[in-house]
Protein backbone atom coordinates (compact mmCIF):
# COMPACT_ATOMS: atom_id res chain seq x y z
CA MET A 1 110.24 -57.67 -115.14
CA SER A 2 108.08 -54.17 -115.61
CA LYS A 3 105.93 -53.13 -112.32
CA THR A 4 103.27 -50.40 -112.06
CA ILE A 5 104.00 -48.52 -109.86
CA LEU A 6 101.67 -45.66 -107.80
CA ILE A 7 103.83 -42.73 -106.51
CA THR A 8 102.40 -40.01 -103.85
CA GLY A 9 104.05 -36.33 -103.79
CA ALA A 10 105.76 -37.12 -107.05
CA THR A 11 106.10 -33.64 -107.99
CA ASP A 12 109.15 -32.68 -105.90
CA GLY A 13 111.35 -33.81 -104.12
CA ILE A 14 111.87 -37.96 -103.35
CA GLY A 15 108.92 -38.80 -104.97
CA LEU A 16 110.07 -36.85 -108.16
CA LEU A 17 113.19 -38.00 -107.88
CA THR A 18 112.09 -41.98 -107.17
CA ALA A 19 110.05 -41.50 -110.29
CA LYS A 20 112.74 -40.10 -112.65
CA THR A 21 115.16 -43.52 -111.38
CA LEU A 22 111.74 -45.86 -111.79
CA ALA A 23 110.83 -44.30 -115.48
CA ALA A 24 114.66 -44.66 -116.46
CA GLU A 25 114.29 -48.84 -115.89
CA GLY A 26 111.22 -48.86 -117.85
CA HIS A 27 108.02 -49.15 -115.34
CA LYS A 28 104.48 -48.20 -115.80
CA LEU A 29 104.41 -45.36 -113.13
CA LEU A 30 101.32 -44.04 -111.81
CA LEU A 31 102.19 -40.13 -110.24
CA HIS A 32 99.59 -38.00 -107.89
CA GLY A 33 100.18 -34.41 -107.02
CA ARG A 34 98.35 -31.81 -105.17
CA SER A 35 98.56 -29.13 -108.80
CA ALA A 36 97.79 -30.77 -112.28
CA ASP A 37 99.97 -28.02 -113.81
CA LYS A 38 102.79 -29.52 -112.09
CA LEU A 39 101.55 -33.12 -112.77
CA ALA A 40 101.93 -32.42 -116.95
CA ALA A 41 105.37 -31.03 -116.03
CA VAL A 42 106.85 -34.00 -114.77
CA ALA A 43 105.11 -36.35 -116.91
CA ALA A 44 106.75 -34.33 -119.81
CA GLN A 45 109.60 -34.67 -118.12
CA LEU A 46 109.40 -38.21 -117.98
CA GLY A 47 108.33 -38.57 -121.97
CA GLY A 48 104.93 -38.51 -120.93
CA ALA A 49 104.05 -41.86 -120.80
CA VAL A 50 102.81 -41.87 -117.10
CA ALA A 51 99.28 -41.56 -115.38
CA GLN A 52 98.48 -38.69 -113.51
CA PHE A 53 96.39 -38.59 -110.94
CA ARG A 54 95.01 -34.96 -109.08
CA ALA A 55 94.17 -35.09 -105.28
CA ASP A 56 94.40 -33.02 -102.32
CA LEU A 57 95.82 -35.39 -99.67
CA SER A 58 94.19 -33.48 -97.08
CA ARG A 59 90.44 -33.78 -98.47
CA LEU A 60 89.50 -37.52 -97.84
CA THR A 61 86.52 -37.25 -100.43
CA GLU A 62 89.58 -36.91 -102.98
CA VAL A 63 91.48 -39.94 -101.60
CA ARG A 64 88.65 -41.95 -102.21
CA ALA A 65 87.76 -40.22 -105.54
CA MET A 66 91.58 -41.14 -106.87
CA ALA A 67 91.45 -44.49 -105.67
CA ALA A 68 88.32 -44.98 -107.29
CA GLU A 69 89.67 -43.94 -110.77
CA ILE A 70 93.15 -45.55 -110.63
CA ARG A 71 90.70 -48.86 -109.66
CA ALA A 72 89.16 -48.05 -113.14
CA GLN A 73 92.46 -48.11 -115.60
CA VAL A 74 94.84 -50.61 -113.49
CA ASP A 75 94.10 -53.79 -113.24
CA VAL A 76 96.77 -54.71 -111.33
CA LEU A 77 99.45 -52.22 -108.81
CA ASP A 78 101.99 -53.62 -108.21
CA VAL A 79 103.59 -51.37 -105.69
CA LEU A 80 101.96 -48.12 -104.29
CA ILE A 81 104.82 -45.70 -102.38
CA ASN A 82 102.67 -43.18 -100.08
CA ASN A 83 105.50 -40.45 -100.25
CA ALA A 84 103.12 -37.59 -99.91
CA GLY A 85 103.92 -35.65 -96.14
CA VAL A 86 103.78 -32.45 -94.62
CA LEU A 87 105.94 -30.90 -91.76
CA ARG A 88 105.32 -27.02 -92.28
CA THR A 89 101.65 -25.57 -93.94
CA ALA A 90 100.34 -22.08 -93.14
CA GLN A 91 96.83 -23.67 -92.69
CA THR A 92 97.12 -26.19 -90.41
CA ARG A 93 93.76 -27.16 -89.92
CA THR A 94 91.32 -29.14 -92.08
CA PRO A 95 87.48 -27.79 -92.36
CA GLU A 96 86.55 -30.94 -90.23
CA GLY A 97 89.03 -29.60 -87.60
CA LEU A 98 91.86 -32.14 -87.63
CA ASP A 99 95.02 -31.70 -88.74
CA ILE A 100 96.33 -31.90 -92.10
CA ARG A 101 99.78 -33.27 -90.41
CA PHE A 102 97.81 -36.53 -89.39
CA VAL A 103 95.19 -36.47 -92.48
CA VAL A 104 97.83 -36.18 -94.82
CA ASN A 105 101.06 -38.63 -93.08
CA THR A 106 98.58 -40.90 -91.62
CA LEU A 107 94.66 -40.80 -92.64
CA ALA A 108 95.05 -40.64 -96.36
CA PRO A 109 97.58 -43.11 -97.21
CA TYR A 110 95.59 -45.36 -95.12
CA VAL A 111 92.35 -44.82 -96.79
CA LEU A 112 94.43 -45.04 -100.12
CA THR A 113 95.65 -48.08 -99.32
CA GLN A 114 92.38 -49.67 -98.20
CA HIS A 115 90.65 -49.15 -101.29
CA LEU A 116 93.83 -49.95 -103.51
CA LEU A 117 93.84 -53.38 -101.88
CA PRO A 118 91.88 -55.08 -104.11
CA ILE A 119 94.16 -54.48 -107.00
CA LEU A 120 97.21 -54.90 -105.44
CA PRO A 121 98.83 -58.31 -105.42
CA ALA A 122 100.28 -61.14 -102.93
CA GLU A 123 103.46 -60.44 -104.38
CA GLY A 124 102.74 -56.50 -104.19
CA ARG A 125 104.16 -54.06 -101.47
CA VAL A 126 103.42 -50.61 -99.56
CA VAL A 127 106.07 -48.89 -98.78
CA ASN A 128 105.19 -46.29 -96.55
CA LEU A 129 107.54 -42.72 -96.13
CA SER A 130 107.99 -42.78 -92.04
CA SER A 131 110.61 -40.81 -90.44
CA ALA A 132 113.70 -40.90 -87.77
CA ALA A 133 111.48 -38.43 -86.16
CA GLN A 134 108.61 -40.39 -84.32
CA ALA A 135 106.91 -39.33 -81.03
CA ARG A 136 104.04 -41.65 -78.46
CA VAL A 137 100.70 -40.35 -80.33
CA ASP A 138 98.77 -37.85 -78.74
CA LEU A 139 94.72 -39.34 -78.93
CA VAL A 140 93.56 -36.05 -77.92
CA ALA A 141 95.39 -34.13 -80.71
CA LEU A 142 94.78 -36.96 -83.55
CA ARG A 143 91.26 -36.10 -82.71
CA GLY A 144 91.24 -32.55 -83.21
CA GLU A 145 90.83 -31.83 -80.07
CA SER A 146 94.00 -30.26 -78.74
CA ARG A 147 97.06 -28.37 -80.96
CA LEU A 148 100.55 -29.58 -80.72
CA ASP A 149 103.50 -27.51 -82.54
CA ASP A 150 104.65 -28.51 -86.18
CA MET A 151 107.51 -30.86 -84.84
CA ALA A 152 105.48 -32.40 -82.24
CA THR A 153 102.46 -33.39 -84.98
CA TYR A 154 104.93 -34.70 -87.86
CA ALA A 155 106.80 -36.98 -85.50
CA GLN A 156 103.68 -38.52 -84.22
CA SER A 157 101.50 -38.96 -87.87
CA LYS A 158 105.11 -40.76 -89.02
CA LEU A 159 104.54 -42.99 -85.45
CA ALA A 160 101.07 -43.64 -86.80
CA ILE A 161 101.66 -44.49 -90.25
CA THR A 162 104.56 -46.88 -88.88
CA ILE A 163 102.00 -48.36 -86.23
CA TRP A 164 99.70 -49.06 -89.33
CA THR A 165 101.92 -50.46 -91.42
CA GLN A 166 102.53 -53.04 -88.84
CA ASP A 167 98.42 -53.46 -88.01
CA MET A 168 97.96 -54.07 -91.97
CA ALA A 169 100.80 -56.36 -92.23
CA ARG A 170 99.25 -58.25 -89.51
CA ALA A 171 95.78 -58.41 -91.04
CA HIS A 172 97.43 -59.27 -94.37
CA PRO A 173 99.80 -62.32 -93.63
CA ASP A 174 99.63 -63.70 -97.53
CA GLY A 175 100.20 -60.18 -98.27
CA PRO A 176 100.84 -57.93 -100.18
CA ALA A 177 104.14 -56.66 -97.56
CA PHE A 178 103.63 -53.86 -95.89
CA ILE A 179 106.93 -51.93 -95.10
CA ALA A 180 107.89 -48.78 -93.41
CA VAL A 181 110.82 -46.78 -94.26
CA ASN A 182 112.61 -43.89 -92.93
CA PRO A 183 114.40 -42.78 -96.67
CA GLY A 184 117.36 -40.50 -94.23
CA SER A 185 116.89 -37.60 -92.19
CA LEU A 186 117.43 -34.08 -93.38
CA LEU A 187 117.39 -34.77 -96.99
CA ALA A 188 117.46 -31.98 -99.50
CA SER A 189 113.27 -31.71 -100.35
CA LYS A 190 111.23 -28.56 -100.06
CA MET A 191 110.14 -30.09 -96.53
CA VAL A 192 113.51 -29.92 -95.32
CA ARG A 193 114.31 -26.34 -96.77
CA GLU A 194 111.08 -24.59 -95.46
CA GLY A 195 110.85 -26.54 -92.17
CA PHE A 196 114.83 -26.03 -90.93
CA GLY A 197 116.12 -23.93 -93.55
CA ILE A 198 119.21 -26.22 -94.20
CA ALA A 199 120.04 -27.15 -98.11
CA GLY A 200 119.44 -30.99 -96.59
CA ASN A 201 121.48 -34.31 -97.90
CA ASP A 202 121.41 -35.89 -101.40
CA LEU A 203 117.50 -36.95 -101.96
CA GLY A 204 119.34 -39.84 -103.99
CA ILE A 205 119.66 -41.58 -100.93
CA GLY A 206 115.99 -41.45 -100.31
CA ALA A 207 114.78 -42.58 -103.64
CA ASP A 208 117.23 -45.12 -103.67
CA ILE A 209 116.51 -46.83 -100.83
CA LEU A 210 112.33 -46.38 -101.70
CA ARG A 211 113.75 -47.98 -105.14
CA LYS A 212 115.16 -50.88 -103.25
CA ALA A 213 111.97 -51.03 -100.43
CA ALA A 214 109.11 -51.38 -103.40
CA LEU A 215 111.40 -54.28 -105.94
CA SER A 216 114.03 -55.64 -104.21
CA PRO A 217 114.41 -59.49 -102.93
CA GLY A 218 115.90 -58.14 -99.37
CA PHE A 219 112.48 -56.68 -98.76
CA ALA A 220 109.88 -59.02 -100.31
CA LYS A 221 109.72 -60.72 -96.63
CA ALA A 222 109.94 -57.50 -94.49
CA SER A 223 105.77 -56.99 -94.07
CA GLY A 224 105.80 -54.90 -90.89
CA ARG A 225 109.01 -54.23 -90.60
CA TYR A 226 110.59 -50.66 -91.02
CA PHE A 227 113.88 -49.81 -92.29
CA ASP A 228 116.08 -46.84 -90.87
CA ASN A 229 117.95 -45.53 -93.74
CA ASP A 230 120.10 -43.70 -91.44
CA SER A 231 121.50 -46.70 -89.72
CA GLY A 232 121.43 -48.66 -93.31
CA GLN A 233 119.18 -51.72 -91.45
CA PHE A 234 115.71 -52.54 -90.41
CA ALA A 235 115.34 -51.57 -87.02
CA ALA A 236 112.58 -50.98 -83.88
CA PRO A 237 111.05 -47.95 -84.48
CA HIS A 238 110.03 -46.14 -81.34
CA ALA A 239 108.66 -48.10 -78.19
CA ALA A 240 104.69 -47.20 -78.38
CA ALA A 241 104.81 -49.03 -81.36
CA ALA A 242 105.32 -52.16 -79.55
CA ASP A 243 102.84 -51.40 -76.92
CA PRO A 244 99.89 -53.49 -77.63
CA ASP A 245 97.30 -51.04 -75.44
CA HIS A 246 98.76 -47.69 -77.55
CA VAL A 247 98.59 -49.37 -80.78
CA ALA A 248 95.29 -50.42 -80.22
CA ALA A 249 93.84 -46.77 -79.31
CA VAL A 250 96.22 -45.34 -82.21
CA MET A 251 94.08 -47.52 -84.58
CA LYS A 252 90.58 -47.44 -83.09
CA THR A 253 91.03 -43.47 -83.32
CA ILE A 254 92.70 -43.51 -86.66
CA ARG A 255 89.50 -46.04 -88.04
CA ALA A 256 86.60 -43.55 -86.38
CA LEU A 257 87.96 -41.23 -87.94
CA ILE A 258 87.79 -42.79 -91.27
CA ALA A 259 84.23 -43.83 -90.21
CA ALA A 260 83.04 -40.45 -89.57
CA GLY A 261 84.66 -39.03 -92.47
CA GLU A 262 82.74 -41.39 -95.25
CA THR A 263 79.19 -40.87 -93.33
CA ALA A 264 79.75 -37.19 -93.01
């Protein structure tokens, strides 16, 4: 049965290959990208029968506007794949003083998911891109009050999205399912080329697991769980995700940052 699926960061890397895979199976795709030109080029590759949504995920006002646009066009969204992410960037700070990695990798997908919940059915799924690189979240850095290096920020942002994946699952026990996925380490994406200077492994490894997480029966009852594609199984994320005090502090900070942005 055809599903309606939104993929963020769909103009290159794992997002693009996942979009191609799902389009070939006949699913209705909604594609997000930061560049209108790149979105149009991808749509042409896929035959034009895809909806395109442009937004800079480092700007939460644009994330909210995109969510409103999607809700105006779509009655039911079966799957949301929060794929977009950033490791290295020339400009690391938003105008509000937050680190772009925390905004794009953690806060933006949280905001997007919250605003799309009304059109996600109980049997729907939210697939969040985590990583094998995870680290305990420095709340001071998350608030933008101190600076970390690229890899430290990235790893902490990926634990933070894994933490809120679990939190969402607890808050919505009747669905949709919220699943965090490490698609595979050092895959051949632009992020890996720019961040590590290597070609990387087959992107198909990542696209295949995202497809499975989005559609396969094996993930239907996996809400709140973390799938590690390096080991090919569900696994425990970083130990800090099981520390109730740390989880509570991270969630409180995420919510406070988002609330501050809404009233600014």
